[in-house]
């Protein structure tokens, strides 16, 4: 089955043709560890996790590399603003090294809570300075750099099709770049590869280099580390859409200049999570963390489910009302799954032909540029299908959850649902007593309470039963 992805570079869906048959190399831009990741950031990591798990589900061997930016990232992607790491250190009265390790650990814990699988390789920028220096030396030898005010710049005029990823004119790129005027740049869109003379006179994180003591620009780290671990031709590079016009554009320019050939075959970008007033942003101070959602009574998997209900290339409007709807829907789904699991019979056999047909349906949806909403439709079909026995349904649910990663059949989730069942049974018992005492108003009230929680009660001569709607 063909796996199709929307390639930002070509702006069409393309069939994935791996460089090495059966194997896929993925590079994803990781966090700058100076603050907690906000839920908009985490939406991107959830999308990349689904991509990796979908490829694995379909039989590919996936090697996933992600960087940790713990040095060299200024507030603006275009070499301006304050040093993010220094800002974090100043804010919390800690060293930049303490800030980096603390927020790296916090980020990885958030990912674990969201069932985002750990990458094959996590590479810290501070541990790959020598790789960056060697990469800059190659660019220098090939004539793509110049030195001004002690800093090493990349000259975009030396690279053809600089704007091919963003598909914007150079004037449009410059206008959207939010770059402070740098009198030492030959072209306003040139970018720094190595700082030796920055405005940060007391910069703590510095290293010796052929150009003097200093620190790397942000863009160079991703090129150096991705090529080190995935080779000079990479299948897929992912990130948020905000990386397209500056960071990823600069990555392409420097990487293809150094290599002399096309570097990445498929570029995939996740859209913004937006609030009513615009995209979530740390710089504005207006952002929500996963911990905040938990404080409000939501589980991390409620948020994962919320994100999976939308295509990754579509902006997703966040509100606590919409998250509440997702929480209820996930709870309803897990109740249905629990009902199936509790009613499995030992002698129920699995028909491989029926299983295969549903696996094919599911595969066709995740292969269509990660069409998760339609993949959930296939899951609902399985749950409702009258020709499948409960053993077959449970098998397929567990199989699909390899991609969804919502713990649909986990013991922990089952315990929570069993507590819910106890609550339902207690309400039904109270309703039975009310009806016996001819308190019809209370009986109707309890029916409505249960209906609002997607529980339908059925009265018969044998007694009262219930089912999840």
Protein backbone atom coordinates (compact mmCIF):
# COMPACT_ATOMS: atom_id res chain seq x y z
CA UNK A 1 0.00 0.00 0.00
CA UNK A 2 1.35 3.42 -0.98
CA UNK A 3 2.06 5.80 1.89
CA UNK A 4 1.33 9.36 0.78
CA UNK A 5 2.50 12.52 2.50
CA UNK A 6 1.95 16.18 1.72
CA UNK A 7 5.38 17.52 0.79
CA UNK A 8 5.76 21.20 1.65
CA UNK A 9 8.49 21.44 -0.99
CA UNK A 10 6.26 20.35 -3.89
CA UNK A 11 2.93 21.36 -2.32
CA UNK A 12 1.26 18.12 -3.37
CA UNK A 13 0.71 14.71 -1.82
CA UNK A 14 3.47 12.36 -2.88
CA UNK A 15 4.04 8.64 -2.59
CA UNK A 16 6.77 7.99 -0.05
CA UNK A 17 9.73 6.30 -1.72
CA UNK A 18 12.38 5.67 0.95
CA UNK A 19 16.04 6.09 0.12
CA UNK A 20 16.62 2.59 1.47
CA UNK A 21 13.80 0.12 0.86
CA UNK A 22 11.85 -0.74 4.00
CA UNK A 23 13.60 1.91 6.11
CA UNK A 24 12.69 5.54 6.80
CA UNK A 25 14.91 8.20 8.37
CA UNK A 26 13.07 11.05 10.09
CA UNK A 27 14.54 14.23 11.57
CA UNK A 28 12.34 16.41 13.76
CA UNK A 29 13.17 19.79 15.25
CA UNK A 30 13.17 19.44 19.02
CA UNK A 31 12.58 22.03 21.75
CA UNK A 32 14.64 25.01 22.83
CA UNK A 33 14.91 24.14 26.51
CA UNK A 34 14.50 27.47 28.26
CA UNK A 35 10.86 27.10 29.38
CA UNK A 36 8.09 24.52 29.52
CA UNK A 37 6.71 23.32 26.20
CA UNK A 38 3.27 24.75 25.56
CA UNK A 39 0.42 22.62 24.26
CA UNK A 40 0.84 24.12 20.79
CA UNK A 41 4.42 22.82 20.69
CA UNK A 42 3.20 19.46 21.96
CA UNK A 43 0.64 19.20 19.16
CA UNK A 44 3.56 19.09 16.70
CA UNK A 45 5.29 16.30 18.65
CA UNK A 46 2.04 14.32 18.73
CA UNK A 47 1.75 14.64 14.93
CA UNK A 48 5.35 13.46 14.49
CA UNK A 49 4.72 10.56 16.88
CA UNK A 50 1.70 9.45 14.83
CA UNK A 51 3.79 9.67 11.65
CA UNK A 52 6.46 7.41 13.11
CA UNK A 53 3.96 4.93 14.55
CA UNK A 54 1.98 4.82 11.29
CA UNK A 55 5.13 3.98 9.35
CA UNK A 56 6.04 1.32 11.91
CA UNK A 57 2.49 -0.08 11.74
CA UNK A 58 2.90 -0.45 7.98
CA UNK A 59 6.13 -2.40 8.39
CA UNK A 60 8.82 0.24 7.94
CA UNK A 61 11.91 0.34 10.12
CA UNK A 62 12.05 3.93 11.39
CA UNK A 63 15.12 5.79 12.63
CA UNK A 64 14.04 9.03 14.31
CA UNK A 65 16.50 11.75 15.29
CA UNK A 66 15.50 14.81 17.33
CA UNK A 67 17.71 17.68 18.52
CA UNK A 68 17.65 19.51 21.82
CA UNK A 69 18.50 23.21 21.37
CA UNK A 70 20.39 24.14 24.52
CA UNK A 71 22.54 26.91 23.01
CA UNK A 72 22.48 29.60 20.36
CA UNK A 73 18.76 30.22 19.78
CA UNK A 74 17.81 33.89 19.90
CA UNK A 75 14.23 35.13 20.34
CA UNK A 76 13.88 35.71 16.60
CA UNK A 77 14.71 32.93 14.17
CA UNK A 78 16.63 35.56 12.18
CA UNK A 79 19.59 36.28 14.51
CA UNK A 80 17.92 39.02 16.56
CA UNK A 81 16.48 39.43 20.04
CA UNK A 82 17.74 38.02 23.31
CA UNK A 83 19.36 34.65 23.95
CA UNK A 84 16.54 32.33 25.05
CA UNK A 85 18.77 30.29 27.33
CA UNK A 86 20.12 33.41 29.04
CA UNK A 87 16.58 34.73 29.45
CA UNK A 88 15.56 31.53 31.22
CA UNK A 89 18.62 31.61 33.47
CA UNK A 90 18.01 35.25 34.41
CA UNK A 91 14.32 34.63 35.07
CA UNK A 92 14.96 31.72 37.45
CA UNK A 93 18.32 32.70 38.93
CA UNK A 94 19.97 29.52 37.67
CA UNK A 95 22.85 28.75 35.33
CA UNK A 96 22.10 28.18 31.67
CA UNK A 97 23.22 24.58 32.10
CA UNK A 98 20.75 24.04 34.96
CA UNK A 99 17.96 25.63 32.92
CA UNK A 100 18.73 23.41 29.92
CA UNK A 101 18.69 20.15 31.85
CA UNK A 102 15.60 21.07 33.89
CA UNK A 103 13.44 21.98 30.90
CA UNK A 104 14.76 19.11 28.79
CA UNK A 105 13.63 16.70 31.50
CA UNK A 106 10.28 18.48 31.80
CA UNK A 107 9.74 18.23 28.05
CA UNK A 108 10.55 14.52 27.97
CA UNK A 109 8.18 13.90 30.89
CA UNK A 110 5.40 15.69 29.01
CA UNK A 111 6.06 13.49 25.98
CA UNK A 112 5.92 10.37 28.14
CA UNK A 113 2.57 11.43 29.60
CA UNK A 114 1.24 11.96 26.06
CA UNK A 115 2.49 8.52 24.96
CA UNK A 116 4.89 10.19 22.54
CA UNK A 117 7.59 7.62 21.89
CA UNK A 118 11.20 8.58 22.62
CA UNK A 119 13.21 9.19 19.41
CA UNK A 120 15.87 6.69 18.38
CA UNK A 121 18.47 9.41 18.99
CA UNK A 122 18.17 12.63 21.01
CA UNK A 123 21.09 14.94 20.26
CA UNK A 124 21.96 17.98 22.36
CA UNK A 125 23.45 20.93 20.50
CA UNK A 126 26.06 21.50 23.23
CA UNK A 127 27.42 17.98 22.67
CA UNK A 128 27.90 18.50 18.92
CA UNK A 129 29.81 21.78 18.70
CA UNK A 130 32.75 20.16 16.91
CA UNK A 131 30.39 18.70 14.28
CA UNK A 132 29.02 22.20 13.66
CA UNK A 133 32.50 23.69 13.38
CA UNK A 134 33.50 21.08 10.79
CA UNK A 135 30.29 21.76 8.85
CA UNK A 136 30.97 25.51 8.79
CA UNK A 137 34.53 24.84 7.59
CA UNK A 138 33.11 22.92 4.59
CA UNK A 139 30.85 25.85 3.73
CA UNK A 140 33.80 28.21 4.10
CA UNK A 141 35.99 26.11 1.82
CA UNK A 142 33.24 26.07 -0.81
CA UNK A 143 32.88 29.83 -0.75
CA UNK A 144 29.43 30.20 0.81
CA UNK A 145 30.51 32.26 3.82
CA UNK A 146 32.01 35.61 4.72
CA UNK A 147 33.28 37.11 7.96
CA UNK A 148 32.10 40.49 9.22
CA UNK A 149 32.52 41.98 12.68
CA UNK A 150 34.15 38.70 13.71
CA UNK A 151 31.03 36.61 12.92
CA UNK A 152 30.72 33.97 10.20
CA UNK A 153 27.73 34.56 7.90
CA UNK A 154 26.13 32.39 5.23
CA UNK A 155 25.58 34.29 1.98
CA UNK A 156 22.17 33.37 0.55
CA UNK A 157 23.10 34.99 -2.78
CA UNK A 158 25.50 32.09 -3.36
CA UNK A 159 22.67 29.54 -3.15
CA UNK A 160 20.10 29.16 -5.94
CA UNK A 161 16.41 28.79 -5.09
CA UNK A 162 16.80 30.02 -1.53
CA UNK A 163 13.04 30.61 -1.36
CA UNK A 164 11.91 27.23 -2.78
CA UNK A 165 10.52 25.81 0.47
CA UNK A 166 8.56 28.87 1.58
CA UNK A 167 7.52 29.67 -2.01
CA UNK A 168 7.77 33.39 -1.22
CA UNK A 169 9.73 36.13 -2.94
CA UNK A 170 12.89 37.33 -1.23
CA UNK A 171 11.06 40.57 -0.45
CA UNK A 172 8.22 38.64 1.21
CA UNK A 173 10.69 36.55 3.20
CA UNK A 174 12.50 39.68 4.36
CA UNK A 175 9.24 41.38 5.35
CA UNK A 176 8.11 38.38 7.40
CA UNK A 177 11.47 37.71 9.00
CA UNK A 178 11.18 40.24 11.84
CA UNK A 179 14.93 40.81 11.57
CA UNK A 180 16.60 43.73 13.28
CA UNK A 181 18.88 45.66 10.94
CA UNK A 182 22.35 44.10 11.01
CA UNK A 183 24.76 46.48 9.25
CA UNK A 184 27.30 43.69 8.78
CA UNK A 185 25.05 41.51 6.62
CA UNK A 186 25.51 41.82 2.86
CA UNK A 187 21.93 40.66 2.39
CA UNK A 188 19.31 41.12 5.15
CA UNK A 189 18.43 37.42 4.82
CA UNK A 190 22.00 36.20 5.35
CA UNK A 191 22.33 34.35 8.64
CA UNK A 192 25.00 33.73 11.26
CA UNK A 193 26.75 30.38 11.36
CA UNK A 194 29.12 31.28 14.20
CA UNK A 195 29.07 34.21 16.63
CA UNK A 196 32.38 35.48 17.99
CA UNK A 197 31.29 39.07 18.51
CA UNK A 198 27.68 39.10 19.64
CA UNK A 199 25.97 41.72 21.77
CA UNK A 200 26.13 39.30 24.71
CA UNK A 201 29.45 40.34 26.22
CA UNK A 202 29.13 37.93 29.13
CA UNK A 203 27.96 34.92 27.11
CA UNK A 204 28.61 31.87 29.30
CA UNK A 205 28.21 29.12 26.69
CA UNK A 206 31.22 29.62 24.41
CA UNK A 207 33.69 27.33 22.64
CA UNK A 208 36.99 27.72 20.82
CA UNK A 209 36.77 27.71 17.02
CA UNK A 210 38.92 28.61 13.98
CA UNK A 211 37.14 32.00 13.95
CA UNK A 212 37.57 32.76 17.61
CA UNK A 213 35.83 31.90 20.84
CA UNK A 214 32.08 31.99 20.47
CA UNK A 215 28.94 29.95 19.90
CA UNK A 216 26.99 28.56 16.92
CA UNK A 217 23.94 30.05 15.24
CA UNK A 218 20.73 28.11 15.68
CA UNK A 219 20.23 26.80 12.14
CA UNK A 220 23.61 25.06 11.82
CA UNK A 221 22.90 22.54 14.60
CA UNK A 222 20.06 20.78 12.79
CA UNK A 223 22.06 20.36 9.57
CA UNK A 224 25.16 19.08 11.35
CA UNK A 225 23.36 16.63 13.64
CA UNK A 226 20.83 15.29 11.16
CA UNK A 227 23.54 14.50 8.62
CA UNK A 228 25.74 12.93 11.30
CA UNK A 229 23.04 10.47 12.34
CA UNK A 230 20.94 9.99 9.19
CA UNK A 231 23.46 10.50 6.40
CA UNK A 232 23.63 13.07 3.62
CA UNK A 233 20.25 12.11 2.14
CA UNK A 234 17.25 12.12 4.47
CA UNK A 235 13.73 10.79 3.86
CA UNK A 236 11.57 13.10 6.00
CA UNK A 237 12.18 16.31 7.92
CA UNK A 238 9.37 17.56 10.19
CA UNK A 239 8.55 20.62 12.24
CA UNK A 240 5.96 23.32 12.80
CA UNK A 241 4.82 25.62 9.99
CA UNK A 242 6.56 28.53 11.71
CA UNK A 243 9.90 26.91 10.79
CA UNK A 244 9.25 27.07 7.04
CA UNK A 245 10.25 30.65 6.10
CA UNK A 246 13.43 30.97 8.18
CA UNK A 247 14.80 27.94 10.02
CA UNK A 248 14.04 25.22 7.48
CA UNK A 249 14.78 27.53 4.55
CA UNK A 250 18.21 28.21 6.05
CA UNK A 251 18.77 24.54 6.81
CA UNK A 252 18.22 23.67 3.16
CA UNK A 253 20.52 26.45 1.96
CA UNK A 254 23.47 25.48 4.14
CA UNK A 255 22.99 21.70 3.86
CA UNK A 256 22.66 21.54 0.08
CA UNK A 257 25.52 24.01 -0.31
CA UNK A 258 27.77 21.76 1.77
CA UNK A 259 26.59 18.49 0.21
CA UNK A 260 26.20 19.59 -3.39
CA UNK A 261 22.92 17.73 -3.87
CA UNK A 262 19.30 17.54 -2.68
CA UNK A 263 19.23 16.88 1.04
CA UNK A 264 15.68 16.03 2.21
CA UNK A 265 13.07 14.33 0.02
CA UNK A 266 9.91 15.11 2.00
CA UNK A 267 9.18 18.09 4.25
CA UNK A 268 6.19 17.74 6.57
CA UNK A 269 4.88 20.59 8.73
CA UNK A 270 2.25 20.66 11.47
CA UNK A 271 -0.13 23.61 11.69
CA UNK A 272 -0.67 25.90 14.67
CA UNK A 273 -2.84 25.28 17.68
CA UNK A 274 -4.69 28.58 18.02
CA UNK A 275 -6.61 30.39 20.71
CA UNK A 276 -9.44 32.80 19.93
CA UNK A 277 -6.92 35.64 19.83
CA UNK A 278 -4.27 33.92 17.72
CA UNK A 279 -1.50 31.33 17.86
CA UNK A 280 -0.06 30.30 21.18
CA UNK A 281 3.30 31.92 21.90
CA UNK A 282 5.83 31.85 24.72
CA UNK A 283 7.21 35.24 23.72
CA UNK A 284 3.83 36.84 24.40
CA UNK A 285 3.55 35.00 27.73
CA UNK A 286 0.18 33.67 26.61
CA UNK A 287 0.54 29.90 26.63
CA UNK A 288 -0.86 26.79 28.28
CA UNK A 289 1.19 23.86 29.51
CA UNK A 290 0.24 20.21 29.86
CA UNK A 291 0.49 20.60 33.63
CA UNK A 292 -2.13 23.34 33.49
CA UNK A 293 -4.52 21.01 31.65
CA UNK A 294 -3.95 18.36 34.32
CA UNK A 295 -4.63 20.95 37.04
CA UNK A 296 -7.94 21.67 35.31
CA UNK A 297 -8.90 18.00 35.62
CA UNK A 298 -7.90 16.65 32.20
CA UNK A 299 -5.61 13.73 31.49
CA UNK A 300 -2.74 14.10 29.00
CA UNK A 301 -4.49 11.51 26.82
CA UNK A 302 -7.59 13.71 26.69
CA UNK A 303 -5.38 16.27 24.97
CA UNK A 304 -3.79 13.68 22.68
CA UNK A 305 -7.27 12.52 21.63
CA UNK A 306 -8.29 16.15 21.06
CA UNK A 307 -5.33 16.64 18.71
CA UNK A 308 -5.96 13.39 16.82
CA UNK A 309 -9.47 14.49 15.87
CA UNK A 310 -8.03 17.03 13.41
CA UNK A 311 -5.70 16.70 10.41
CA UNK A 312 -2.18 17.79 11.28
CA UNK A 313 -2.09 20.30 8.38
CA UNK A 314 -5.20 22.10 9.63
CA UNK A 315 -5.15 24.83 12.27
CA UNK A 316 -6.79 23.59 15.46
CA UNK A 317 -8.78 25.98 17.62
CA UNK A 318 -8.30 25.25 21.31
CA UNK A 319 -10.75 26.00 24.10
CA UNK A 320 -11.49 24.26 27.36
CA UNK A 321 -15.02 23.66 26.04
CA UNK A 322 -13.67 21.73 23.05
CA UNK A 323 -11.23 19.84 25.28
CA UNK A 324 -14.16 18.89 27.52
CA UNK A 325 -16.01 17.52 24.50
CA UNK A 326 -12.93 15.48 23.61
CA UNK A 327 -12.70 14.19 27.19
CA UNK A 328 -16.31 13.02 27.10
CA UNK A 329 -15.88 11.42 23.69
CA UNK A 330 -12.75 9.55 24.80
CA UNK A 331 -14.49 8.36 27.95
CA UNK A 332 -17.40 7.14 25.86
CA UNK A 333 -15.01 5.32 23.51
CA UNK A 334 -13.24 3.65 26.42
CA UNK A 335 -16.55 2.57 27.93
CA UNK A 336 -17.44 0.88 24.66
CA UNK A 337 -14.06 -0.83 24.52
CA UNK A 338 -14.38 -1.96 28.13
CA UNK A 339 -17.80 -3.41 27.40
CA UNK A 340 -16.31 -5.43 24.53
CA UNK A 341 -13.37 -6.66 26.62
CA UNK A 342 -15.62 -7.69 29.52
CA UNK A 343 -17.88 -9.68 27.22
CA UNK A 344 -15.23 -11.66 25.35
CA UNK A 345 -15.75 -15.42 25.31
CA UNK A 346 -12.85 -17.83 25.54
CA UNK A 347 -14.11 -19.98 22.67
CA UNK A 348 -14.50 -17.05 20.25
CA UNK A 349 -12.17 -17.59 17.32
CA UNK A 350 -10.53 -14.90 15.20
CA UNK A 351 -11.30 -14.96 11.49
CA UNK A 352 -8.12 -13.76 9.79
CA UNK A 353 -9.98 -12.71 6.62
CA UNK A 354 -12.30 -10.37 8.53
CA UNK A 355 -9.39 -9.00 10.56
CA UNK A 356 -7.37 -8.38 7.40
CA UNK A 357 -10.13 -6.40 5.70
CA UNK A 358 -10.39 -3.97 8.63
CA UNK A 359 -6.63 -3.66 8.95
CA UNK A 360 -6.54 -2.74 5.26
CA UNK A 361 -9.21 -0.09 5.81
CA UNK A 362 -7.26 1.36 8.72
CA UNK A 363 -3.98 1.25 6.81
CA UNK A 364 -5.51 3.08 3.85
CA UNK A 365 -6.51 5.99 6.11
CA UNK A 366 -3.23 6.44 7.95
CA UNK A 367 -1.45 6.08 4.58
CA UNK A 368 -3.44 9.03 3.24
CA UNK A 369 -1.22 11.72 4.74
CA UNK A 370 -2.19 10.59 8.27
CA UNK A 371 -5.96 10.87 7.98
CA UNK A 372 -6.58 10.18 11.67
CA UNK A 373 -10.24 11.35 11.76
CA UNK A 374 -11.08 8.71 9.13
CA UNK A 375 -8.97 6.14 11.00
CA UNK A 376 -11.19 6.72 14.04
CA UNK A 377 -14.21 6.13 11.78
CA UNK A 378 -12.79 2.69 10.99
CA UNK A 379 -12.41 2.05 14.73
CA UNK A 380 -16.07 2.97 15.29
CA UNK A 381 -17.07 0.60 12.47
CA UNK A 382 -15.23 -2.22 14.22
CA UNK A 383 -16.94 -1.47 17.55
CA UNK A 384 -20.42 -1.44 15.96
CA UNK A 385 -19.92 -4.29 13.47
CA UNK A 386 -22.36 -7.10 14.18
CA UNK A 387 -20.46 -9.77 12.25
CA UNK A 388 -17.33 -9.41 14.40
CA UNK A 389 -17.17 -11.22 17.73
CA UNK A 390 -15.76 -9.46 20.78
CA UNK A 391 -12.44 -11.26 20.54
CA UNK A 392 -11.97 -10.00 16.99
CA UNK A 393 -13.00 -6.50 18.00
CA UNK A 394 -10.58 -6.44 20.93
CA UNK A 395 -7.78 -7.65 18.67
CA UNK A 396 -8.41 -4.87 16.15
CA UNK A 397 -8.78 -2.17 18.81
CA UNK A 398 -5.44 -3.14 20.32
CA UNK A 399 -3.91 -3.23 16.84
CA UNK A 400 -5.16 0.26 15.90
CA UNK A 401 -4.07 1.64 19.28
CA UNK A 402 -0.47 1.03 18.23
CA UNK A 403 -0.96 4.25 16.24
CA UNK A 404 -3.53 6.09 18.40
CA UNK A 405 -1.61 5.33 21.64
CA UNK A 406 -4.62 6.11 23.85
CA UNK A 407 -4.26 3.11 26.19
CA UNK A 408 -7.64 1.87 25.02
CA UNK A 409 -7.13 -1.57 26.59
CA UNK A 410 -4.81 -0.78 29.48
CA UNK A 411 -5.54 -2.15 32.96
CA UNK A 412 -5.22 1.31 34.49
CA UNK A 413 -7.88 2.71 32.17
CA UNK A 414 -10.09 -0.31 32.84
CA UNK A 415 -9.96 0.32 36.60
CA UNK A 416 -11.13 3.89 36.03
CA UNK A 417 -13.99 2.66 33.85
CA UNK A 418 -14.98 0.03 36.40
CA UNK A 419 -15.33 2.83 38.95
CA UNK A 420 -17.62 4.56 36.45
CA UNK A 421 -19.64 1.36 36.13
CA UNK A 422 -20.08 1.29 39.90
CA UNK A 423 -21.43 4.85 39.74
CA UNK A 424 -23.87 3.84 36.97
CA UNK A 425 -25.07 0.80 38.93
CA UNK A 426 -25.57 2.91 42.07
CA UNK A 427 -27.66 5.44 40.12
CA UNK A 428 -29.76 2.68 38.59
CA UNK A 429 -30.35 1.19 42.03
CA UNK A 430 -31.40 4.62 43.32
CA UNK A 431 -33.74 4.95 40.32
CA UNK A 432 -35.26 1.54 41.02
CA UNK A 433 -35.99 2.58 44.62
CA UNK A 434 -37.47 5.88 43.44
CA UNK A 435 -39.75 4.10 40.95
CA UNK A 436 -40.82 1.61 43.66
CA UNK A 437 -41.76 4.58 45.82
CA UNK A 438 -43.54 6.14 42.82
CA UNK A 439 -41.09 9.06 42.83
CA UNK A 440 -41.30 9.34 39.03
CA UNK A 441 -39.64 12.77 38.96
CA UNK A 442 -36.44 11.42 40.57
CA UNK A 443 -36.52 8.38 38.30
CA UNK A 444 -36.71 10.61 35.21
CA UNK A 445 -33.98 12.85 36.58
CA UNK A 446 -31.61 9.90 36.98
CA UNK A 447 -32.39 8.73 33.44
CA UNK A 448 -31.43 12.20 32.15
CA UNK A 449 -28.22 12.23 34.20
CA UNK A 450 -27.19 8.94 32.67
CA UNK A 451 -28.19 10.02 29.15
CA UNK A 452 -26.01 13.13 29.53
CA UNK A 453 -23.10 10.73 30.16
CA UNK A 454 -23.99 8.63 27.08
CA UNK A 455 -25.56 5.85 29.16
CA UNK A 456 -28.89 4.46 27.98
CA UNK A 457 -31.00 2.45 30.44
CA UNK A 458 -33.35 -0.27 29.27
CA UNK A 459 -36.30 -1.43 31.38
CA UNK A 460 -37.72 -4.93 30.87
CA UNK A 461 -39.56 -7.63 32.78
CA UNK A 462 -36.23 -9.07 33.83
CA UNK A 463 -35.08 -5.76 35.33
CA UNK A 464 -33.09 -2.72 34.27
CA UNK A 465 -29.95 -2.95 32.17
CA UNK A 466 -27.77 -0.27 30.56
CA UNK A 467 -25.47 0.27 27.64
CA UNK A 468 -23.13 2.93 26.32
CA UNK A 469 -24.74 4.87 23.47
